[in-house]
C-alpha atoms as a PDB file:
ATOM      1  CA  UNK A   1     114.252 -67.678 -22.755  1.00  0.00           C
ATOM      2  CA  UNK A   2     117.683 -69.280 -23.063  1.00  0.00           C
ATOM      3  CA  UNK A   3     118.606 -72.073 -20.640  1.00  0.00           C
ATOM      4  CA  UNK A   4     122.212 -72.369 -19.473  1.00  0.00           C
ATOM      5  CA  UNK A   5     124.075 -75.641 -19.883  1.00  0.00           C
ATOM      6  CA  UNK A   6     125.590 -75.371 -16.418  1.00  0.00           C
ATOM      7  CA  UNK A   7     122.154 -75.602 -14.749  1.00  0.00           C
ATOM      8  CA  UNK A   8     120.390 -77.992 -17.138  1.00  0.00           C
ATOM      9  CA  UNK A   9     121.884 -81.471 -17.515  1.00  0.00           C
ATOM     10  CA  UNK A  10     119.118 -82.495 -19.964  1.00  0.00           C
ATOM     11  CA  UNK A  11     120.157 -79.687 -22.315  1.00  0.00           C
ATOM     12  CA  UNK A  12     123.773 -80.774 -21.992  1.00  0.00           C
ATOM     13  CA  UNK A  13     122.802 -84.341 -22.927  1.00  0.00           C
ATOM     14  CA  UNK A  14     120.724 -83.042 -25.829  1.00  0.00           C
ATOM     15  CA  UNK A  15     123.699 -81.148 -27.230  1.00  0.00           C
ATOM     16  CA  UNK A  16     125.898 -84.211 -26.829  1.00  0.00           C
ATOM     17  CA  UNK A  17     123.300 -86.331 -28.640  1.00  0.00           C
ATOM     18  CA  UNK A  18     123.135 -83.781 -31.461  1.00  0.00           C
ATOM     19  CA  UNK A  19     126.926 -83.733 -31.807  1.00  0.00           C
ATOM     20  CA  UNK A  20     127.114 -87.531 -31.815  1.00  0.00           C
ATOM     21  CA  UNK A  21     124.339 -87.759 -34.433  1.00  0.00           C
ATOM     22  CA  UNK A  22     126.148 -85.292 -36.698  1.00  0.00           C
ATOM     23  CA  UNK A  23     129.417 -87.151 -36.323  1.00  0.00           C
ATOM     24  CA  UNK A  24     127.755 -90.484 -37.107  1.00  0.00           C
ATOM     25  CA  UNK A  25     126.179 -88.992 -40.240  1.00  0.00           C
ATOM     26  CA  UNK A  26     129.477 -87.426 -41.345  1.00  0.00           C
ATOM     27  CA  UNK A  27     128.119 -83.870 -41.329  1.00  0.00           C
ATOM     28  CA  UNK A  28     128.560 -80.613 -39.474  1.00  0.00           C
ATOM     29  CA  UNK A  29     125.429 -78.870 -38.214  1.00  0.00           C
ATOM     30  CA  UNK A  30     124.968 -75.104 -38.352  1.00  0.00           C
ATOM     31  CA  UNK A  31     122.210 -72.610 -37.671  1.00  0.00           C
ATOM     32  CA  UNK A  32     121.758 -70.574 -40.866  1.00  0.00           C
ATOM     33  CA  UNK A  33     120.779 -66.936 -41.356  1.00  0.00           C
ATOM     34  CA  UNK A  34     123.005 -65.259 -43.988  1.00  0.00           C
ATOM     35  CA  UNK A  35     121.737 -64.616 -47.512  1.00  0.00           C
ATOM     36  CA  UNK A  36     124.407 -66.933 -48.903  1.00  0.00           C
ATOM     37  CA  UNK A  37     123.481 -69.810 -46.611  1.00  0.00           C
ATOM     38  CA  UNK A  38     119.741 -69.340 -47.143  1.00  0.00           C
ATOM     39  CA  UNK A  39     120.249 -69.251 -50.920  1.00  0.00           C
ATOM     40  CA  UNK A  40     121.914 -72.644 -50.583  1.00  0.00           C
ATOM     41  CA  UNK A  41     118.838 -73.893 -48.700  1.00  0.00           C
ATOM     42  CA  UNK A  42     116.532 -72.737 -51.517  1.00  0.00           C
ATOM     43  CA  UNK A  43     118.721 -74.475 -54.124  1.00  0.00           C
ATOM     44  CA  UNK A  44     118.786 -77.676 -52.060  1.00  0.00           C
ATOM     45  CA  UNK A  45     115.004 -77.680 -51.738  1.00  0.00           C
ATOM     46  CA  UNK A  46     114.604 -77.121 -55.490  1.00  0.00           C
ATOM     47  CA  UNK A  47     116.815 -80.162 -56.109  1.00  0.00           C
ATOM     48  CA  UNK A  48     114.523 -82.220 -53.847  1.00  0.00           C
ATOM     49  CA  UNK A  49     111.024 -80.934 -54.667  1.00  0.00           C
ATOM     50  CA  UNK A  50     111.609 -79.580 -58.184  1.00  0.00           C
ATOM     51  CA  UNK A  51     111.991 -76.129 -59.694  1.00  0.00           C
ATOM     52  CA  UNK A  52     108.321 -75.942 -60.701  1.00  0.00           C
ATOM     53  CA  UNK A  53     107.232 -75.742 -57.059  1.00  0.00           C
ATOM     54  CA  UNK A  54     110.021 -74.742 -54.654  1.00  0.00           C
ATOM     55  CA  UNK A  55     108.667 -75.058 -51.112  1.00  0.00           C
ATOM     56  CA  UNK A  56     110.303 -71.885 -49.739  1.00  0.00           C
ATOM     57  CA  UNK A  57     111.615 -68.626 -51.140  1.00  0.00           C
ATOM     58  CA  UNK A  58     114.764 -66.791 -50.092  1.00  0.00           C
ATOM     59  CA  UNK A  59     112.656 -63.841 -48.916  1.00  0.00           C
ATOM     60  CA  UNK A  60     110.536 -66.053 -46.661  1.00  0.00           C
ATOM     61  CA  UNK A  61     113.562 -67.780 -45.112  1.00  0.00           C
ATOM     62  CA  UNK A  62     115.231 -64.424 -44.508  1.00  0.00           C
ATOM     63  CA  UNK A  63     112.118 -63.100 -42.739  1.00  0.00           C
ATOM     64  CA  UNK A  64     111.756 -66.245 -40.628  1.00  0.00           C
ATOM     65  CA  UNK A  65     115.338 -66.091 -39.366  1.00  0.00           C
ATOM     66  CA  UNK A  66     115.106 -62.358 -38.685  1.00  0.00           C
ATOM     67  CA  UNK A  67     112.065 -63.079 -36.508  1.00  0.00           C
ATOM     68  CA  UNK A  68     114.074 -65.597 -34.464  1.00  0.00           C
ATOM     69  CA  UNK A  69     112.838 -68.821 -36.055  1.00  0.00           C
ATOM     70  CA  UNK A  70     114.862 -71.910 -36.884  1.00  0.00           C
ATOM     71  CA  UNK A  71     116.808 -72.736 -40.043  1.00  0.00           C
ATOM     72  CA  UNK A  72     119.450 -75.429 -39.626  1.00  0.00           C
ATOM     73  CA  UNK A  73     121.757 -77.000 -42.162  1.00  0.00           C
ATOM     74  CA  UNK A  74     123.849 -80.162 -42.428  1.00  0.00           C
ATOM     75  CA  UNK A  75     127.135 -79.795 -44.312  1.00  0.00           C
ATOM     76  CA  UNK A  76     129.429 -82.380 -45.823  1.00  0.00           C
ATOM     77  CA  UNK A  77     132.556 -80.309 -46.124  1.00  0.00           C
ATOM     78  CA  UNK A  78     131.394 -77.067 -47.756  1.00  0.00           C
ATOM     79  CA  UNK A  79     128.302 -78.614 -49.375  1.00  0.00           C
ATOM     80  CA  UNK A  80     124.851 -78.235 -47.858  1.00  0.00           C
ATOM     81  CA  UNK A  81     123.272 -81.723 -47.920  1.00  0.00           C
ATOM     82  CA  UNK A  82     120.297 -81.254 -45.581  1.00  0.00           C
ATOM     83  CA  UNK A  83     118.232 -78.414 -44.185  1.00  0.00           C
ATOM     84  CA  UNK A  84     115.324 -77.944 -41.799  1.00  0.00           C
ATOM     85  CA  UNK A  85     113.075 -74.897 -41.343  1.00  0.00           C
ATOM     86  CA  UNK A  86     110.767 -74.251 -38.395  1.00  0.00           C
ATOM     87  CA  UNK A  87     108.682 -71.431 -36.976  1.00  0.00           C
ATOM     88  CA  UNK A  88     107.049 -70.851 -33.609  1.00  0.00           C
ATOM     89  CA  UNK A  89     103.409 -71.595 -32.824  1.00  0.00           C
ATOM     90  CA  UNK A  90     101.227 -69.052 -31.061  1.00  0.00           C
ATOM     91  CA  UNK A  91     102.655 -68.340 -27.572  1.00  0.00           C
ATOM     92  CA  UNK A  92     100.004 -70.324 -25.692  1.00  0.00           C
ATOM     93  CA  UNK A  93     100.874 -73.513 -27.624  1.00  0.00           C
ATOM     94  CA  UNK A  94     104.567 -73.598 -26.589  1.00  0.00           C
ATOM     95  CA  UNK A  95     105.809 -75.399 -29.718  1.00  0.00           C
ATOM     96  CA  UNK A  96     108.026 -75.030 -32.750  1.00  0.00           C
ATOM     97  CA  UNK A  97     106.488 -76.129 -36.065  1.00  0.00           C
ATOM     98  CA  UNK A  98     109.108 -77.882 -38.174  1.00  0.00           C
ATOM     99  CA  UNK A  99     107.674 -77.077 -41.590  1.00  0.00           C
ATOM    100  CA  UNK A 100     110.356 -78.208 -44.070  1.00  0.00           C
ATOM    101  CA  UNK A 101     113.049 -80.850 -43.770  1.00  0.00           C
ATOM    102  CA  UNK A 102     114.927 -82.270 -46.724  1.00  0.00           C
ATOM    103  CA  UNK A 103     118.087 -84.218 -47.456  1.00  0.00           C
ATOM    104  CA  UNK A 104     119.954 -84.357 -50.753  1.00  0.00           C
ATOM    105  CA  UNK A 105     119.143 -87.620 -52.587  1.00  0.00           C
ATOM    106  CA  UNK A 106     122.835 -88.537 -52.564  1.00  0.00           C
ATOM    107  CA  UNK A 107     122.832 -88.496 -48.757  1.00  0.00           C
ATOM    108  CA  UNK A 108     119.619 -90.393 -48.056  1.00  0.00           C
ATOM    109  CA  UNK A 109     120.104 -93.378 -45.782  1.00  0.00           C
ATOM    110  CA  UNK A 110     123.070 -91.834 -43.947  1.00  0.00           C
ATOM    111  CA  UNK A 111     121.120 -90.562 -40.901  1.00  0.00           C
ATOM    112  CA  UNK A 112     121.430 -86.917 -41.944  1.00  0.00           C
ATOM    113  CA  UNK A 113     117.743 -86.411 -41.145  1.00  0.00           C
ATOM    114  CA  UNK A 114     118.309 -87.742 -37.630  1.00  0.00           C
ATOM    115  CA  UNK A 115     121.189 -85.297 -37.165  1.00  0.00           C
ATOM    116  CA  UNK A 116     118.963 -82.428 -38.337  1.00  0.00           C
ATOM    117  CA  UNK A 117     116.215 -83.317 -35.856  1.00  0.00           C
ATOM    118  CA  UNK A 118     118.630 -83.669 -32.931  1.00  0.00           C
ATOM    119  CA  UNK A 119     120.162 -80.278 -33.736  1.00  0.00           C
ATOM    120  CA  UNK A 120     116.674 -78.777 -33.907  1.00  0.00           C
ATOM    121  CA  UNK A 121     115.726 -80.412 -30.595  1.00  0.00           C
ATOM    122  CA  UNK A 122     118.737 -78.933 -28.793  1.00  0.00           C
ATOM    123  CA  UNK A 123     118.004 -75.519 -30.347  1.00  0.00           C
ATOM    124  CA  UNK A 124     114.384 -75.664 -29.161  1.00  0.00           C
ATOM    125  CA  UNK A 125     115.380 -76.850 -25.691  1.00  0.00           C
ATOM    126  CA  UNK A 126     117.737 -73.879 -25.344  1.00  0.00           C
ATOM    127  CA  UNK A 127     114.734 -71.626 -25.889  1.00  0.00           C
ATOM    128  CA  UNK A 128     112.488 -73.396 -23.395  1.00  0.00           C
ATOM    129  CA  UNK A 129     110.117 -74.837 -26.015  1.00  0.00           C
ATOM    130  CA  UNK A 130     108.075 -77.869 -24.916  1.00  0.00           C
ATOM    131  CA  UNK A 131     107.274 -79.572 -28.256  1.00  0.00           C
ATOM    132  CA  UNK A 132     108.314 -79.697 -31.889  1.00  0.00           C
ATOM    133  CA  UNK A 133     105.428 -80.374 -34.284  1.00  0.00           C
ATOM    134  CA  UNK A 134     105.393 -81.262 -37.977  1.00  0.00           C
ATOM    135  CA  UNK A 135     103.363 -83.052 -40.609  1.00  0.00           C
ATOM    136  CA  UNK A 136     104.269 -85.988 -42.829  1.00  0.00           C
ATOM    137  CA  UNK A 137     102.601 -88.137 -45.457  1.00  0.00           C
ATOM    138  CA  UNK A 138     101.211 -91.203 -43.620  1.00  0.00           C
ATOM    139  CA  UNK A 139     101.714 -93.342 -46.749  1.00  0.00           C
ATOM    140  CA  UNK A 140     105.508 -93.002 -46.635  1.00  0.00           C
ATOM    141  CA  UNK A 141     106.537 -95.922 -44.452  1.00  0.00           C
ATOM    142  CA  UNK A 142     110.156 -94.859 -43.912  1.00  0.00           C
ATOM    143  CA  UNK A 143     108.975 -91.487 -42.570  1.00  0.00           C
ATOM    144  CA  UNK A 144     106.414 -93.163 -40.325  1.00  0.00           C
ATOM    145  CA  UNK A 145     109.106 -95.396 -38.835  1.00  0.00           C
ATOM    146  CA  UNK A 146     111.514 -92.475 -38.440  1.00  0.00           C
ATOM    147  CA  UNK A 147     109.009 -90.132 -36.814  1.00  0.00           C
ATOM    148  CA  UNK A 148     107.092 -92.539 -34.584  1.00  0.00           C
ATOM    149  CA  UNK A 149     109.623 -95.255 -33.770  1.00  0.00           C
ATOM    150  CA  UNK A 150     113.074 -93.740 -34.030  1.00  0.00           C
ATOM    151  CA  UNK A 151     112.280 -90.256 -32.708  1.00  0.00           C
ATOM    152  CA  UNK A 152     109.296 -91.196 -30.565  1.00  0.00           C
ATOM    153  CA  UNK A 153     106.969 -88.446 -31.782  1.00  0.00           C
ATOM    154  CA  UNK A 154     103.250 -88.965 -31.219  1.00  0.00           C
ATOM    155  CA  UNK A 155     100.586 -88.586 -33.915  1.00  0.00           C
ATOM    156  CA  UNK A 156      97.820 -86.217 -32.811  1.00  0.00           C
ATOM    157  CA  UNK A 157      95.644 -85.521 -35.889  1.00  0.00           C
ATOM    158  CA  UNK A 158      94.857 -86.817 -39.384  1.00  0.00           C
ATOM    159  CA  UNK A 159      94.631 -83.933 -41.891  1.00  0.00           C
ATOM    160  CA  UNK A 160      92.953 -84.841 -45.218  1.00  0.00           C
ATOM    161  CA  UNK A 161      94.385 -83.071 -48.290  1.00  0.00           C
ATOM    162  CA  UNK A 162      96.029 -80.589 -45.937  1.00  0.00           C
ATOM    163  CA  UNK A 163      98.069 -78.571 -48.465  1.00  0.00           C
ATOM    164  CA  UNK A 164      95.777 -79.071 -51.443  1.00  0.00           C
ATOM    165  CA  UNK A 165      97.361 -80.101 -54.779  1.00  0.00           C
ATOM    166  CA  UNK A 166     101.163 -79.923 -54.652  1.00  0.00           C
ATOM    167  CA  UNK A 167     102.297 -81.478 -57.975  1.00  0.00           C
ATOM    168  CA  UNK A 168     105.981 -81.629 -57.079  1.00  0.00           C
ATOM    169  CA  UNK A 169     108.583 -84.354 -57.606  1.00  0.00           C
ATOM    170  CA  UNK A 170     107.702 -86.092 -54.335  1.00  0.00           C
ATOM    171  CA  UNK A 171     103.917 -85.774 -53.999  1.00  0.00           C
ATOM    172  CA  UNK A 172     102.864 -85.984 -57.643  1.00  0.00           C
ATOM    173  CA  UNK A 173      99.145 -85.360 -58.221  1.00  0.00           C
ATOM    174  CA  UNK A 174      97.895 -87.255 -55.165  1.00  0.00           C
ATOM    175  CA  UNK A 175      95.942 -85.576 -52.360  1.00  0.00           C
ATOM    176  CA  UNK A 176      98.239 -84.159 -49.697  1.00  0.00           C
ATOM    177  CA  UNK A 177      96.923 -86.002 -46.609  1.00  0.00           C
ATOM    178  CA  UNK A 178      99.153 -85.548 -43.581  1.00  0.00           C
ATOM    179  CA  UNK A 179      99.593 -86.783 -40.040  1.00  0.00           C
ATOM    180  CA  UNK A 180     100.359 -84.055 -37.523  1.00  0.00           C
ATOM    181  CA  UNK A 181     102.867 -85.225 -34.919  1.00  0.00           C
ATOM    182  CA  UNK A 182     104.296 -83.649 -31.794  1.00  0.00           C
ATOM    183  CA  UNK A 183     107.694 -84.516 -30.372  1.00  0.00           C
ATOM    184  CA  UNK A 184     108.354 -83.701 -26.730  1.00  0.00           C
ATOM    185  CA  UNK A 185     111.644 -81.836 -26.465  1.00  0.00           C
ATOM    186  CA  UNK A 186     112.100 -83.464 -23.054  1.00  0.00           C
ATOM    187  CA  UNK A 187     110.652 -86.931 -23.745  1.00  0.00           C
ATOM    188  CA  UNK A 188     109.347 -89.302 -21.115  1.00  0.00           C
ATOM    189  CA  UNK A 189     109.209 -93.073 -21.126  1.00  0.00           C
ATOM    190  CA  UNK A 190     108.078 -94.627 -24.439  1.00  0.00           C
ATOM    191  CA  UNK A 191     104.658 -96.260 -24.525  1.00  0.00           C
ATOM    192  CA  UNK A 192     104.332-100.016 -24.942  1.00  0.00           C
ATOM    193  CA  UNK A 193     101.177-101.709 -26.196  1.00  0.00           C
ATOM    194  CA  UNK A 194     100.457-105.450 -26.223  1.00  0.00           C
ATOM    195  CA  UNK A 195      99.811-106.400 -29.865  1.00  0.00           C
ATOM    196  CA  UNK A 196      99.285-110.176 -29.640  1.00  0.00           C
ATOM    197  CA  UNK A 197      95.512-109.742 -30.047  1.00  0.00           C
ATOM    198  CA  UNK A 198      95.698-106.938 -32.629  1.00  0.00           C
ATOM    199  CA  UNK A 199      93.238-107.069 -35.551  1.00  0.00           C
ATOM    200  CA  UNK A 200      94.018-105.987 -39.114  1.00  0.00           C
ATOM    201  CA  UNK A 201      92.099-102.788 -39.836  1.00  0.00           C
ATOM    202  CA  UNK A 202      93.809-102.345 -43.206  1.00  0.00           C
ATOM    203  CA  UNK A 203      95.916-104.987 -44.909  1.00  0.00           C
ATOM    204  CA  UNK A 204      97.625-105.559 -48.241  1.00  0.00           C
ATOM    205  CA  UNK A 205      95.886-107.786 -50.772  1.00  0.00           C
ATOM    206  CA  UNK A 206      97.606-110.320 -53.076  1.00  0.00           C
ATOM    207  CA  UNK A 207      97.899-107.745 -55.866  1.00  0.00           C
ATOM    208  CA  UNK A 208      99.291-105.021 -53.611  1.00  0.00           C
ATOM    209  CA  UNK A 209      95.896-103.382 -53.186  1.00  0.00           C
ATOM    210  CA  UNK A 210      94.498-102.115 -49.867  1.00  0.00           C
ATOM    211  CA  UNK A 211      92.352-104.684 -48.058  1.00  0.00           C
ATOM    212  CA  UNK A 212      89.908-103.177 -45.523  1.00  0.00           C
ATOM    213  CA  UNK A 213      89.349-104.981 -42.229  1.00  0.00           C
ATOM    214  CA  UNK A 214      87.606-104.339 -38.918  1.00  0.00           C
ATOM    215  CA  UNK A 215      87.678-100.961 -37.163  1.00  0.00           C
ATOM    216  CA  UNK A 216      86.261-101.982 -33.788  1.00  0.00           C
ATOM    217  CA  UNK A 217      89.224-103.787 -32.197  1.00  0.00           C
ATOM    218  CA  UNK A 218      90.984-102.513 -29.079  1.00  0.00           C
ATOM    219  CA  UNK A 219      94.317-102.721 -30.927  1.00  0.00           C
ATOM    220  CA  UNK A 220      94.568-102.550 -34.714  1.00  0.00           C
ATOM    221  CA  UNK A 221      97.191-102.785 -37.450  1.00  0.00           C
ATOM    222  CA  UNK A 222      96.962-100.350 -40.367  1.00  0.00           C
ATOM    223  CA  UNK A 223      99.316-101.357 -43.178  1.00  0.00           C
ATOM    224  CA  UNK A 224     100.843 -99.010 -45.751  1.00  0.00           C
ATOM    225  CA  UNK A 225     102.892 -99.942 -48.841  1.00  0.00           C
ATOM    226  CA  UNK A 226     106.629-100.399 -48.532  1.00  0.00           C
ATOM    227  CA  UNK A 227     107.285 -97.901 -51.357  1.00  0.00           C
ATOM    228  CA  UNK A 228     104.394 -95.611 -52.186  1.00  0.00           C
ATOM    229  CA  UNK A 229     106.738 -93.543 -54.372  1.00  0.00           C
ATOM    230  CA  UNK A 230     107.199 -96.446 -56.776  1.00  0.00           C
ATOM    231  CA  UNK A 231     103.442 -97.066 -56.832  1.00  0.00           C
ATOM    232  CA  UNK A 232     102.805 -93.399 -57.647  1.00  0.00           C
ATOM    233  CA  UNK A 233     105.166 -93.632 -60.610  1.00  0.00           C
ATOM    234  CA  UNK A 234     103.951 -97.004 -61.907  1.00  0.00           C
ATOM    235  CA  UNK A 235     100.241 -97.065 -60.992  1.00  0.00           C
ATOM    236  CA  UNK A 236      98.795 -93.696 -59.910  1.00  0.00           C
ATOM    237  CA  UNK A 237      95.286 -95.165 -59.647  1.00  0.00           C
ATOM    238  CA  UNK A 238      96.491 -97.737 -57.101  1.00  0.00           C
ATOM    239  CA  UNK A 239      98.329 -95.012 -55.192  1.00  0.00           C
ATOM    240  CA  UNK A 240      95.087 -93.061 -54.991  1.00  0.00           C
ATOM    241  CA  UNK A 241      93.265 -96.164 -53.708  1.00  0.00           C
ATOM    242  CA  UNK A 242      95.844 -96.403 -50.941  1.00  0.00           C
ATOM    243  CA  UNK A 243      95.379 -92.730 -50.103  1.00  0.00           C
ATOM    244  CA  UNK A 244      91.642 -93.131 -49.699  1.00  0.00           C
ATOM    245  CA  UNK A 245      91.933 -96.424 -47.818  1.00  0.00           C
ATOM    246  CA  UNK A 246      94.420 -95.055 -45.270  1.00  0.00           C
ATOM    247  CA  UNK A 247      92.330 -91.898 -44.888  1.00  0.00           C
ATOM    248  CA  UNK A 248      89.167 -93.927 -44.316  1.00  0.00           C
ATOM    249  CA  UNK A 249      90.889 -96.286 -41.862  1.00  0.00           C
ATOM    250  CA  UNK A 250      93.489 -94.317 -39.957  1.00  0.00           C
ATOM    251  CA  UNK A 251      91.578 -91.053 -40.150  1.00  0.00           C
ATOM    252  CA  UNK A 252      88.398 -92.700 -38.865  1.00  0.00           C
ATOM    253  CA  UNK A 253      90.180 -94.460 -36.004  1.00  0.00           C
ATOM    254  CA  UNK A 254      91.823 -91.231 -34.833  1.00  0.00           C
ATOM    255  CA  UNK A 255      88.569 -89.314 -35.174  1.00  0.00           C
ATOM    256  CA  UNK A 256      86.939 -91.951 -32.951  1.00  0.00           C
ATOM    257  CA  UNK A 257      89.534 -91.301 -30.238  1.00  0.00           C
ATOM    258  CA  UNK A 258      92.056 -94.059 -30.959  1.00  0.00           C
ATOM    259  CA  UNK A 259      95.783 -93.377 -30.596  1.00  0.00           C
ATOM    260  CA  UNK A 260      98.675 -94.304 -32.857  1.00  0.00           C
ATOM    261  CA  UNK A 261     101.199 -95.915 -30.513  1.00  0.00           C
ATOM    262  CA  UNK A 262     103.904 -96.827 -33.016  1.00  0.00           C
ATOM    263  CA  UNK A 263     104.926 -98.086 -36.433  1.00  0.00           C
ATOM    264  CA  UNK A 264     106.667-101.434 -36.700  1.00  0.00           C
ATOM    265  CA  UNK A 265     109.152-102.880 -39.147  1.00  0.00           C
ATOM    266  CA  UNK A 266     106.437-104.988 -40.789  1.00  0.00           C
ATOM    267  CA  UNK A 267     105.055-101.764 -42.275  1.00  0.00           C
ATOM    268  CA  UNK A 268     101.992-101.037 -40.208  1.00  0.00           C
ATOM    269  CA  UNK A 269     100.736 -98.498 -37.719  1.00  0.00           C
ATOM    270  CA  UNK A 270      99.806 -99.799 -34.292  1.00  0.00           C
ATOM    271  CA  UNK A 271      96.574 -98.143 -33.203  1.00  0.00           C
ATOM    272  CA  UNK A 272      94.978 -98.541 -29.776  1.00  0.00           C
ATOM    273  CA  UNK A 273      91.622 -97.360 -28.569  1.00  0.00           C
ATOM    274  CA  UNK A 274      91.983 -95.131 -25.536  1.00  0.00           C
ATOM    275  CA  UNK A 275      91.324 -97.019 -22.320  1.00  0.00           C
ATOM    276  CA  UNK A 276      92.430 -96.498 -18.741  1.00  0.00           C
ATOM    277  CA  UNK A 277      96.205 -96.784 -18.732  1.00  0.00           C
ATOM    278  CA  UNK A 278      96.650 -96.102 -22.452  1.00  0.00           C
ATOM    279  CA  UNK A 279      99.345 -93.415 -22.871  1.00  0.00           C
ATOM    280  CA  UNK A 280      98.019 -90.164 -24.307  1.00  0.00           C
END
């Protein structure tokens, strides 16, 4: 179902937001479907994840677009500098799964990823989709802040070693734990949680190691390293300790019914146990 701009002011605002985000990032956004454009996406992803394990083939992207799924690209002039791929959930779930999103290393920090997500949101809204879902590595603090704080997505499930071994330029040999998030295409009011009495469920020790705390507080902080990528390169054993510690802490809290309500600039998840009045 396609919604018309003339009868949907929220869609009109979404398109305006997407255009403003692209302009601020210095890119032009396009939906992609031709073999030439999709070949560029494959080459971009190889430059990000490595040639030994490209995350998508040309044939797969071609089939996805033919079936009406989403592939969007961000261009700086004639150069593709970011791309995002998504496919629809089963009909009863009413969501688009945003499976792959990557930005050229030269364009990181320029809000290209934000422009990609706003373009994808407007595209999904046009088609009457309620949510966009995706996974991300909970150890990557910049992605946690982007997904939970900047976009306002909500974390719904902790997925231990979700993809199995990946061994690419980003994930290395670590387990591929992921947080599954859902982003309402038509978002409501953001949740606010009082954190003055929050207890540290996972902290950072004096040597940069994970420091377990209490898991029974109403509101908890779960810290992650500032730069897990550097730790993976310099001390893989410590990176693995962080993986297990975050899995044991954050995964356990979510399994017990707690909710992640945000990620702050101090580098920790804010987790609240569900009580009356806690946003779901």
